[in-house]
C-alpha atoms as a PDB file:
ATOM      1  CA  UNK A   1     -26.013 -11.080  49.959  1.00  0.00           C
ATOM      2  CA  UNK A   2     -25.388 -12.514  46.469  1.00  0.00           C
ATOM      3  CA  UNK A   3     -21.646 -12.141  46.879  1.00  0.00           C
ATOM      4  CA  UNK A   4     -21.646 -14.024  50.186  1.00  0.00           C
ATOM      5  CA  UNK A   5     -23.749 -16.814  48.709  1.00  0.00           C
ATOM      6  CA  UNK A   6     -21.430 -17.040  45.701  1.00  0.00           C
ATOM      7  CA  UNK A   7     -18.363 -17.164  47.943  1.00  0.00           C
ATOM      8  CA  UNK A   8     -19.936 -19.861  50.120  1.00  0.00           C
ATOM      9  CA  UNK A   9     -20.746 -22.002  47.075  1.00  0.00           C
ATOM     10  CA  UNK A  10     -17.236 -21.467  45.697  1.00  0.00           C
ATOM     11  CA  UNK A  11     -15.693 -22.482  49.025  1.00  0.00           C
ATOM     12  CA  UNK A  12     -17.776 -25.668  49.157  1.00  0.00           C
ATOM     13  CA  UNK A  13     -16.851 -26.608  45.602  1.00  0.00           C
ATOM     14  CA  UNK A  14     -13.154 -25.962  46.126  1.00  0.00           C
ATOM     15  CA  UNK A  15     -12.911 -28.025  49.310  1.00  0.00           C
ATOM     16  CA  UNK A  16     -11.990 -31.257  47.454  1.00  0.00           C
ATOM     17  CA  UNK A  17      -8.951 -29.466  46.014  1.00  0.00           C
ATOM     18  CA  UNK A  18      -7.406 -29.389  49.490  1.00  0.00           C
ATOM     19  CA  UNK A  19      -6.935 -33.153  49.281  1.00  0.00           C
ATOM     20  CA  UNK A  20      -4.608 -32.649  46.318  1.00  0.00           C
ATOM     21  CA  UNK A  21      -2.620 -29.955  48.097  1.00  0.00           C
ATOM     22  CA  UNK A  22      -1.984 -32.176  51.130  1.00  0.00           C
ATOM     23  CA  UNK A  23      -0.493 -34.970  49.031  1.00  0.00           C
ATOM     24  CA  UNK A  24       2.867 -36.045  50.422  1.00  0.00           C
ATOM     25  CA  UNK A  25       5.624 -38.179  48.970  1.00  0.00           C
ATOM     26  CA  UNK A  26       7.978 -40.333  50.928  1.00  0.00           C
ATOM     27  CA  UNK A  27      11.681 -39.929  50.269  1.00  0.00           C
ATOM     28  CA  UNK A  28      12.002 -43.600  49.322  1.00  0.00           C
ATOM     29  CA  UNK A  29       9.275 -43.219  46.657  1.00  0.00           C
ATOM     30  CA  UNK A  30      11.136 -40.345  45.042  1.00  0.00           C
ATOM     31  CA  UNK A  31      14.396 -42.299  45.115  1.00  0.00           C
ATOM     32  CA  UNK A  32      12.731 -45.309  43.452  1.00  0.00           C
ATOM     33  CA  UNK A  33      11.174 -43.089  40.789  1.00  0.00           C
ATOM     34  CA  UNK A  34      14.490 -41.438  39.950  1.00  0.00           C
ATOM     35  CA  UNK A  35      16.353 -44.740  39.799  1.00  0.00           C
ATOM     36  CA  UNK A  36      13.906 -46.095  37.224  1.00  0.00           C
ATOM     37  CA  UNK A  37      14.446 -43.206  34.820  1.00  0.00           C
ATOM     38  CA  UNK A  38      18.120 -42.418  35.291  1.00  0.00           C
ATOM     39  CA  UNK A  39      19.115 -45.739  33.713  1.00  0.00           C
ATOM     40  CA  UNK A  40      16.833 -45.281  30.709  1.00  0.00           C
ATOM     41  CA  UNK A  41      18.225 -45.152  27.163  1.00  0.00           C
ATOM     42  CA  UNK A  42      15.477 -42.789  26.053  1.00  0.00           C
ATOM     43  CA  UNK A  43      16.376 -40.148  23.511  1.00  0.00           C
ATOM     44  CA  UNK A  44      13.812 -37.493  22.617  1.00  0.00           C
ATOM     45  CA  UNK A  45      12.530 -37.615  19.041  1.00  0.00           C
ATOM     46  CA  UNK A  46      14.040 -35.246  16.544  1.00  0.00           C
ATOM     47  CA  UNK A  47      11.638 -32.664  15.102  1.00  0.00           C
ATOM     48  CA  UNK A  48      10.864 -33.283  11.461  1.00  0.00           C
ATOM     49  CA  UNK A  49      12.244 -30.867   8.944  1.00  0.00           C
ATOM     50  CA  UNK A  50       9.640 -28.603   7.357  1.00  0.00           C
ATOM     51  CA  UNK A  51      10.021 -27.595   3.748  1.00  0.00           C
ATOM     52  CA  UNK A  52      10.723 -23.896   3.456  1.00  0.00           C
ATOM     53  CA  UNK A  53       7.707 -23.185   1.223  1.00  0.00           C
ATOM     54  CA  UNK A  54       5.030 -24.808   3.413  1.00  0.00           C
ATOM     55  CA  UNK A  55       4.630 -21.937   5.938  1.00  0.00           C
ATOM     56  CA  UNK A  56       4.445 -19.397   3.117  1.00  0.00           C
ATOM     57  CA  UNK A  57       1.792 -21.391   1.270  1.00  0.00           C
ATOM     58  CA  UNK A  58      -0.309 -21.724   4.418  1.00  0.00           C
ATOM     59  CA  UNK A  59       0.079 -18.042   5.214  1.00  0.00           C
ATOM     60  CA  UNK A  60      -0.864 -17.052   1.676  1.00  0.00           C
ATOM     61  CA  UNK A  61      -3.939 -19.283   1.736  1.00  0.00           C
ATOM     62  CA  UNK A  62      -4.975 -17.740   5.052  1.00  0.00           C
ATOM     63  CA  UNK A  63      -4.512 -14.218   3.722  1.00  0.00           C
ATOM     64  CA  UNK A  64      -6.571 -15.013   0.605  1.00  0.00           C
ATOM     65  CA  UNK A  65      -9.361 -16.479   2.757  1.00  0.00           C
ATOM     66  CA  UNK A  66      -9.308 -13.369   4.940  1.00  0.00           C
ATOM     67  CA  UNK A  67      -9.554 -11.094   1.909  1.00  0.00           C
ATOM     68  CA  UNK A  68     -12.399 -13.189   0.465  1.00  0.00           C
ATOM     69  CA  UNK A  69     -14.238 -12.972   3.785  1.00  0.00           C
ATOM     70  CA  UNK A  70     -13.767  -9.204   3.938  1.00  0.00           C
ATOM     71  CA  UNK A  71     -15.018  -8.897   0.345  1.00  0.00           C
ATOM     72  CA  UNK A  72     -18.145 -10.927   1.122  1.00  0.00           C
ATOM     73  CA  UNK A  73     -18.781  -8.900   4.278  1.00  0.00           C
ATOM     74  CA  UNK A  74     -18.460  -5.605   2.396  1.00  0.00           C
ATOM     75  CA  UNK A  75     -20.750  -6.848  -0.383  1.00  0.00           C
ATOM     76  CA  UNK A  76     -23.383  -7.905   2.160  1.00  0.00           C
ATOM     77  CA  UNK A  77     -23.239  -4.563   3.948  1.00  0.00           C
ATOM     78  CA  UNK A  78     -23.527  -2.579   0.727  1.00  0.00           C
ATOM     79  CA  UNK A  79     -26.527  -4.675  -0.391  1.00  0.00           C
ATOM     80  CA  UNK A  80     -28.602  -3.529   2.605  1.00  0.00           C
END
C-alpha cells in the first residue's frame, strides 16, 4: 500500500515535467537562432597558464592537513 501511495504522489509531482517534454520549436525559429550566432566574432577565452609549482604546493598542504587530522584522531582514540 505504501509503494502505491508513493508512486501516486511521484506521478502527480512529475506531471508538470510533461509540459517541458512537449515543447516544440518551429523551423523558422531555429533558422533565426543560427543566423544570429554564425556571424558572431566570438572567440573562446584562453585558459590561464598555471605555474608548475602551484598544484604541488596545494597537494602537499592537503597531505599535511590529512596527516594532522589522522594524528589528532589517533590521539583522541588513545586518550579514551
